[in-house]
PDB file of N, CA and C in Angstrom:
ATOM      1  N   MET A   1     106.583 100.885  93.495  1.00  0.00           N
ATOM      2  CA  MET A   1     106.004  99.886  92.586  1.00  0.00           C
ATOM      3  C   MET A   1     104.555  99.596  92.348  1.00  0.00           C
ATOM      4  N   LYS A   2     103.872 100.012  93.189  1.00  0.00           N
ATOM      5  CA  LYS A   2     102.243  99.672  93.396  1.00  0.00           C
ATOM      6  C   LYS A   2     102.003 100.921  92.045  1.00  0.00           C
ATOM      7  N   GLY A   3     102.924 102.207  91.872  1.00  0.00           N
ATOM      8  CA  GLY A   3     102.784 102.753  90.566  1.00  0.00           C
ATOM      9  C   GLY A   3     102.700 102.163  89.299  1.00  0.00           C
ATOM     10  N   MET A   4     103.975 100.921  89.421  1.00  0.00           N
ATOM     11  CA  MET A   4     104.051 100.459  87.898  1.00  0.00           C
ATOM     12  C   MET A   4     103.252  99.824  87.994  1.00  0.00           C
ATOM     13  N   PHE A   5     102.244  99.162  88.470  1.00  0.00           N
ATOM     14  CA  PHE A   5     101.281  97.862  88.706  1.00  0.00           C
ATOM     15  C   PHE A   5      99.989  98.386  89.327  1.00  0.00           C
ATOM     16  N   ALA A   6      99.422  99.159  89.177  1.00  0.00           N
ATOM     17  CA  ALA A   6      98.570  99.901  89.742  1.00  0.00           C
ATOM     18  C   ALA A   6      97.546  99.280  89.464  1.00  0.00           C
ATOM     19  N   SER A   7      97.140  98.660  88.610  1.00  0.00           N
ATOM     20  CA  SER A   7      95.890  97.664  88.448  1.00  0.00           C
ATOM     21  C   SER A   7      96.055  96.302  89.250  1.00  0.00           C
ATOM     22  N   ILE A   8      96.871  95.615  89.511  1.00  0.00           N
ATOM     23  CA  ILE A   8      97.110  95.182  89.922  1.00  0.00           C
ATOM     24  C   ILE A   8      96.927  94.865  91.521  1.00  0.00           C
ATOM     25  N   SER A   9      96.119  94.072  92.521  1.00  0.00           N
ATOM     26  CA  SER A   9      95.878  94.262  93.855  1.00  0.00           C
ATOM     27  C   SER A   9      95.936  93.361  94.956  1.00  0.00           C
ATOM     28  N   ASP A  10      96.988  92.591  94.238  1.00  0.00           N
ATOM     29  CA  ASP A  10      97.276  91.561  95.388  1.00  0.00           C
ATOM     30  C   ASP A  10      98.504  90.990  94.966  1.00  0.00           C
ATOM     31  N   PRO A  11      99.100  90.696  96.263  1.00  0.00           N
ATOM     32  CA  PRO A  11     100.691  90.639  95.787  1.00  0.00           C
ATOM     33  C   PRO A  11     101.343  89.043  95.175  1.00  0.00           C
ATOM     34  N   ASP A  12     100.413  88.407  94.933  1.00  0.00           N
ATOM     35  CA  ASP A  12     101.159  87.216  94.104  1.00  0.00           C
ATOM     36  C   ASP A  12     101.185  87.548  92.643  1.00  0.00           C
ATOM     37  N   SER A  13      99.708  88.482  92.519  1.00  0.00           N
ATOM     38  CA  SER A  13      99.801  88.735  90.960  1.00  0.00           C
ATOM     39  C   SER A  13     101.171  90.087  90.772  1.00  0.00           C
ATOM     40  N   ALA A  14     101.126  90.688  91.365  1.00  0.00           N
ATOM     41  CA  ALA A  14     102.529  91.690  91.810  1.00  0.00           C
ATOM     42  C   ALA A  14     103.704  90.593  91.387  1.00  0.00           C
ATOM     43  N   ALA A  15     103.759  89.339  92.320  1.00  0.00           N
ATOM     44  CA  ALA A  15     105.027  88.963  92.171  1.00  0.00           C
ATOM     45  C   ALA A  15     105.460  88.351  90.428  1.00  0.00           C
ATOM     46  N   ILE A  16     104.176  88.060  90.038  1.00  0.00           N
ATOM     47  CA  ILE A  16     104.196  87.099  88.942  1.00  0.00           C
ATOM     48  C   ILE A  16     104.626  88.056  88.113  1.00  0.00           C
ATOM     49  N   ALA A  17     104.147  89.601  87.755  1.00  0.00           N
ATOM     50  CA  ALA A  17     104.449  90.645  87.024  1.00  0.00           C
ATOM     51  C   ALA A  17     105.820  90.962  87.184  1.00  0.00           C
ATOM     52  N   ALA A  18     106.191  90.847  88.242  1.00  0.00           N
ATOM     53  CA  ALA A  18     107.566  91.241  89.015  1.00  0.00           C
ATOM     54  C   ALA A  18     108.738  90.479  88.200  1.00  0.00           C
ATOM     55  N   ILE A  19     108.728  89.171  88.386  1.00  0.00           N
ATOM     56  CA  ILE A  19     108.843  88.356  87.397  1.00  0.00           C
ATOM     57  C   ILE A  19     108.917  88.400  86.048  1.00  0.00           C
ATOM     58  N   GLU A  20     108.147  89.151  85.179  1.00  0.00           N
ATOM     59  CA  GLU A  20     108.458  88.880  84.143  1.00  0.00           C
ATOM     60  C   GLU A  20     108.853  89.935  83.909  1.00  0.00           C
ATOM     61  N   LEU A  21     108.825  90.922  84.289  1.00  0.00           N
ATOM     62  CA  LEU A  21     109.448  92.239  83.618  1.00  0.00           C
ATOM     63  C   LEU A  21     111.536  92.371  84.292  1.00  0.00           C
ATOM     64  N   PHE A  22     111.363  91.308  85.196  1.00  0.00           N
ATOM     65  CA  PHE A  22     112.933  91.727  86.411  1.00  0.00           C
ATOM     66  C   PHE A  22     113.345  90.376  86.181  1.00  0.00           C
ATOM     67  N   GLY A  23     112.679  89.216  86.124  1.00  0.00           N
ATOM     68  CA  GLY A  23     113.252  87.874  86.092  1.00  0.00           C
ATOM     69  C   GLY A  23     114.511  87.550  87.420  1.00  0.00           C
ATOM     70  N   ALA A  24     115.047  86.616  87.779  1.00  0.00           N
ATOM     71  CA  ALA A  24     115.776  87.041  88.610  1.00  0.00           C
ATOM     72  C   ALA A  24     116.026  88.267  89.286  1.00  0.00           C
ATOM     73  N   GLU A  25     115.880  89.190  89.358  1.00  0.00           N
ATOM     74  CA  GLU A  25     116.088  90.193  89.649  1.00  0.00           C
ATOM     75  C   GLU A  25     114.727  90.970  90.348  1.00  0.00           C
ATOM     76  N   ALA A  26     113.494  89.725  90.014  1.00  0.00           N
ATOM     77  CA  ALA A  26     112.738  90.525  90.749  1.00  0.00           C
ATOM     78  C   ALA A  26     112.521  90.913  92.145  1.00  0.00           C
ATOM     79  N   ALA A  27     113.237  90.295  92.974  1.00  0.00           N
ATOM     80  CA  ALA A  27     112.982  89.895  94.313  1.00  0.00           C
ATOM     81  C   ALA A  27     113.981  91.735  94.537  1.00  0.00           C
ATOM     82  N   THR A  28     115.101  91.639  94.318  1.00  0.00           N
ATOM     83  CA  THR A  28     115.600  93.070  94.370  1.00  0.00           C
ATOM     84  C   THR A  28     114.791  94.197  93.746  1.00  0.00           C
ATOM     85  N   ALA A  29     114.686  94.155  92.519  1.00  0.00           N
ATOM     86  CA  ALA A  29     113.385  95.371  92.209  1.00  0.00           C
ATOM     87  C   ALA A  29     112.292  95.637  93.170  1.00  0.00           C
ATOM     88  N   VAL A  30     112.225  94.675  93.608  1.00  0.00           N
ATOM     89  CA  VAL A  30     110.678  95.172  95.146  1.00  0.00           C
ATOM     90  C   VAL A  30     111.507  95.349  95.772  1.00  0.00           C
ATOM     91  N   THR A  31     112.189  95.391  96.053  1.00  0.00           N
ATOM     92  CA  THR A  31     113.101  96.102  97.202  1.00  0.00           C
ATOM     93  C   THR A  31     113.415  97.048  97.355  1.00  0.00           C
ATOM     94  N   TYR A  32     114.023  97.761  95.984  1.00  0.00           N
ATOM     95  CA  TYR A  32     114.767  98.856  95.872  1.00  0.00           C
ATOM     96  C   TYR A  32     113.508  99.871  95.744  1.00  0.00           C
ATOM     97  N   CYS A  33     111.922  99.310  94.786  1.00  0.00           N
ATOM     98  CA  CYS A  33     110.985  99.986  95.330  1.00  0.00           C
ATOM     99  C   CYS A  33     110.406 100.512  96.746  1.00  0.00           C
ATOM    100  N   ALA A  34     110.238  99.496  97.212  1.00  0.00           N
ATOM    101  CA  ALA A  34     109.833  99.489  98.850  1.00  0.00           C
ATOM    102  C   ALA A  34     110.978 100.516  99.673  1.00  0.00           C
ATOM    103  N   PHE A  35     112.181 100.492  99.196  1.00  0.00           N
ATOM    104  CA  PHE A  35     113.515 101.705  99.753  1.00  0.00           C
ATOM    105  C   PHE A  35     113.104 103.032  99.712  1.00  0.00           C
ATOM    106  N   LYS A  36     112.435 103.176  97.952  1.00  0.00           N
ATOM    107  CA  LYS A  36     112.359 104.489  97.642  1.00  0.00           C
ATOM    108  C   LYS A  36     110.851 104.975  97.641  1.00  0.00           C
ATOM    109  N   ILE A  37     110.112 104.246  98.690  1.00  0.00           N
ATOM    110  CA  ILE A  37     109.196 104.614  99.131  1.00  0.00           C
ATOM    111  C   ILE A  37     109.324 106.031 100.199  1.00  0.00           C
ATOM    112  N   ASP A  38     108.692 106.763  99.955  1.00  0.00           N
ATOM    113  CA  ASP A  38     108.601 107.954 100.533  1.00  0.00           C
ATOM    114  C   ASP A  38     107.848 107.737 102.330  1.00  0.00           C
ATOM    115  N   GLN A  39     108.150 108.007 103.009  1.00  0.00           N
ATOM    116  CA  GLN A  39     107.480 108.011 104.165  1.00  0.00           C
ATOM    117  C   GLN A  39     106.675 108.542 104.509  1.00  0.00           C
ATOM    118  N   THR A  40     105.861 109.307 103.585  1.00  0.00           N
ATOM    119  CA  THR A  40     104.666 110.635 103.771  1.00  0.00           C
ATOM    120  C   THR A  40     103.446 109.264 102.851  1.00  0.00           C
ATOM    121  N   ILE A  41     103.885 108.376 101.986  1.00  0.00           N
ATOM    122  CA  ILE A  41     103.147 107.305 101.868  1.00  0.00           C
ATOM    123  C   ILE A  41     102.729 106.349 102.301  1.00  0.00           C
ATOM    124  N   GLU A  42     101.411 106.444 102.378  1.00  0.00           N
ATOM    125  CA  GLU A  42     100.423 105.252 103.510  1.00  0.00           C
ATOM    126  C   GLU A  42     101.282 103.886 103.530  1.00  0.00           C
ATOM    127  N   LYS A  43     100.277 103.767 104.459  1.00  0.00           N
ATOM    128  CA  LYS A  43     101.732 102.466 105.341  1.00  0.00           C
ATOM    129  C   LYS A  43     100.824 101.212 104.628  1.00  0.00           C
ATOM    130  N   LYS A  44     100.017 101.463 103.613  1.00  0.00           N
ATOM    131  CA  LYS A  44      99.031 100.076 102.993  1.00  0.00           C
ATOM    132  C   LYS A  44     100.205  99.272 101.822  1.00  0.00           C
ATOM    133  N   THR A  45     100.825 100.716 101.200  1.00  0.00           N
ATOM    134  CA  THR A  45     101.564 100.698  99.731  1.00  0.00           C
ATOM    135  C   THR A  45     102.703  99.895 100.428  1.00  0.00           C
ATOM    136  N   THR A  46     103.425 100.124 101.488  1.00  0.00           N
ATOM    137  CA  THR A  46     105.025  99.613 102.127  1.00  0.00           C
ATOM    138  C   THR A  46     104.580  97.965 102.797  1.00  0.00           C
ATOM    139  N   SER A  47     102.925  98.391 103.500  1.00  0.00           N
ATOM    140  CA  SER A  47     103.001  96.847 102.879  1.00  0.00           C
ATOM    141  C   SER A  47     102.742  95.515 102.227  1.00  0.00           C
ATOM    142  N   PHE A  48     101.913  96.573 101.169  1.00  0.00           N
ATOM    143  CA  PHE A  48     102.138  95.718  99.826  1.00  0.00           C
ATOM    144  C   PHE A  48     103.617  94.995  98.892  1.00  0.00           C
ATOM    145  N   CYS A  49     104.252  95.940  98.989  1.00  0.00           N
ATOM    146  CA  CYS A  49     105.620  95.989  98.958  1.00  0.00           C
ATOM    147  C   CYS A  49     106.310  95.264  99.769  1.00  0.00           C
ATOM    148  N   SER A  50     106.267  94.926 100.861  1.00  0.00           N
ATOM    149  CA  SER A  50     106.715  93.806 101.708  1.00  0.00           C
ATOM    150  C   SER A  50     106.070  92.067 101.140  1.00  0.00           C
ATOM    151  N   ARG A  51     104.757  92.078 101.466  1.00  0.00           N
ATOM    152  CA  ARG A  51     104.206  90.956 101.044  1.00  0.00           C
ATOM    153  C   ARG A  51     104.298  90.524  99.702  1.00  0.00           C
ATOM    154  N   THR A  52     104.377  91.015  98.704  1.00  0.00           N
ATOM    155  CA  THR A  52     105.176  90.545  97.115  1.00  0.00           C
ATOM    156  C   THR A  52     106.002  90.626  97.457  1.00  0.00           C
ATOM    157  N   PHE A  53     107.159  91.104  97.956  1.00  0.00           N
ATOM    158  CA  PHE A  53     108.839  90.416  98.312  1.00  0.00           C
ATOM    159  C   PHE A  53     108.853  89.261  98.789  1.00  0.00           C
ATOM    160  N   CYS A  54     107.821  89.132  99.947  1.00  0.00           N
ATOM    161  CA  CYS A  54     108.001  87.653 100.649  1.00  0.00           C
ATOM    162  C   CYS A  54     107.200  86.858  99.479  1.00  0.00           C
ATOM    163  N   ARG A  55     106.342  86.662  98.740  1.00  0.00           N
ATOM    164  CA  ARG A  55     106.257  85.569  97.723  1.00  0.00           C
ATOM    165  C   ARG A  55     107.383  85.552  96.683  1.00  0.00           C
ATOM    166  N   LEU A  56     108.056  86.137  96.641  1.00  0.00           N
ATOM    167  CA  LEU A  56     108.999  86.543  95.749  1.00  0.00           C
ATOM    168  C   LEU A  56     110.551  85.809  96.252  1.00  0.00           C
ATOM    169  N   THR A  57     110.795  85.849  98.269  1.00  0.00           N
ATOM    170  CA  THR A  57     111.382  85.307  98.351  1.00  0.00           C
ATOM    171  C   THR A  57     111.303  83.865  98.668  1.00  0.00           C
ATOM    172  N   GLY A  58     110.212  83.461  98.940  1.00  0.00           N
ATOM    173  CA  GLY A  58     109.559  82.753  99.794  1.00  0.00           C
ATOM    174  C   GLY A  58     109.670  82.435 101.555  1.00  0.00           C
ATOM    175  N   LEU A  59     109.699  83.973 102.131  1.00  0.00           N
ATOM    176  CA  LEU A  59     109.984  84.343 103.337  1.00  0.00           C
ATOM    177  C   LEU A  59     108.798  84.513 103.434  1.00  0.00           C
ATOM    178  N   PRO A  60     107.690  84.350 104.533  1.00  0.00           N
ATOM    179  CA  PRO A  60     106.357  84.109 105.093  1.00  0.00           C
ATOM    180  C   PRO A  60     106.490  86.142 105.916  1.00  0.00           C
ATOM    181  N   SER A  61     105.340  86.643 105.081  1.00  0.00           N
ATOM    182  CA  SER A  61     105.033  87.787 105.747  1.00  0.00           C
ATOM    183  C   SER A  61     103.981  87.617 106.654  1.00  0.00           C
ATOM    184  N   LYS A  62     104.078  88.830 107.617  1.00  0.00           N
ATOM    185  CA  LYS A  62     103.568  88.915 108.446  1.00  0.00           C
ATOM    186  C   LYS A  62     102.210  88.230 109.011  1.00  0.00           C
ATOM    187  N   GLY A  63     101.478  88.499 108.190  1.00  0.00           N
ATOM    188  CA  GLY A  63      99.580  88.236 108.336  1.00  0.00           C
ATOM    189  C   GLY A  63     100.090  86.339 107.434  1.00  0.00           C
ATOM    190  N   ASP A  64     100.656  86.072 107.278  1.00  0.00           N
ATOM    191  CA  ASP A  64     100.517  85.024 106.910  1.00  0.00           C
ATOM    192  C   ASP A  64     101.100  83.828 108.290  1.00  0.00           C
ATOM    193  N   ALA A  65     100.422  82.622 108.318  1.00  0.00           N
ATOM    194  CA  ALA A  65     100.414  81.349 109.189  1.00  0.00           C
ATOM    195  C   ALA A  65     101.526  80.498 108.632  1.00  0.00           C
ATOM    196  N   HIS A  66     102.221  80.768 110.281  1.00  0.00           N
ATOM    197  CA  HIS A  66     103.154  79.989 110.213  1.00  0.00           C
ATOM    198  C   HIS A  66     103.655  78.163 110.018  1.00  0.00           C
TER     199      HIS A  66
END
């Protein structure tokens, strides 16, 4: 996913871009991309996918205040 949106540096912008590309299936697309990330990719990339998924679903992310 990060590769698709290489110029996007924040999960909110990535969520908007994912909705524009995938519509109602944006959260599913982001999840699929996160699952496809190999374990050798740095943790920062998987965290980006996770935060973007949270923006799309309304779920709190690990770093958000509850």
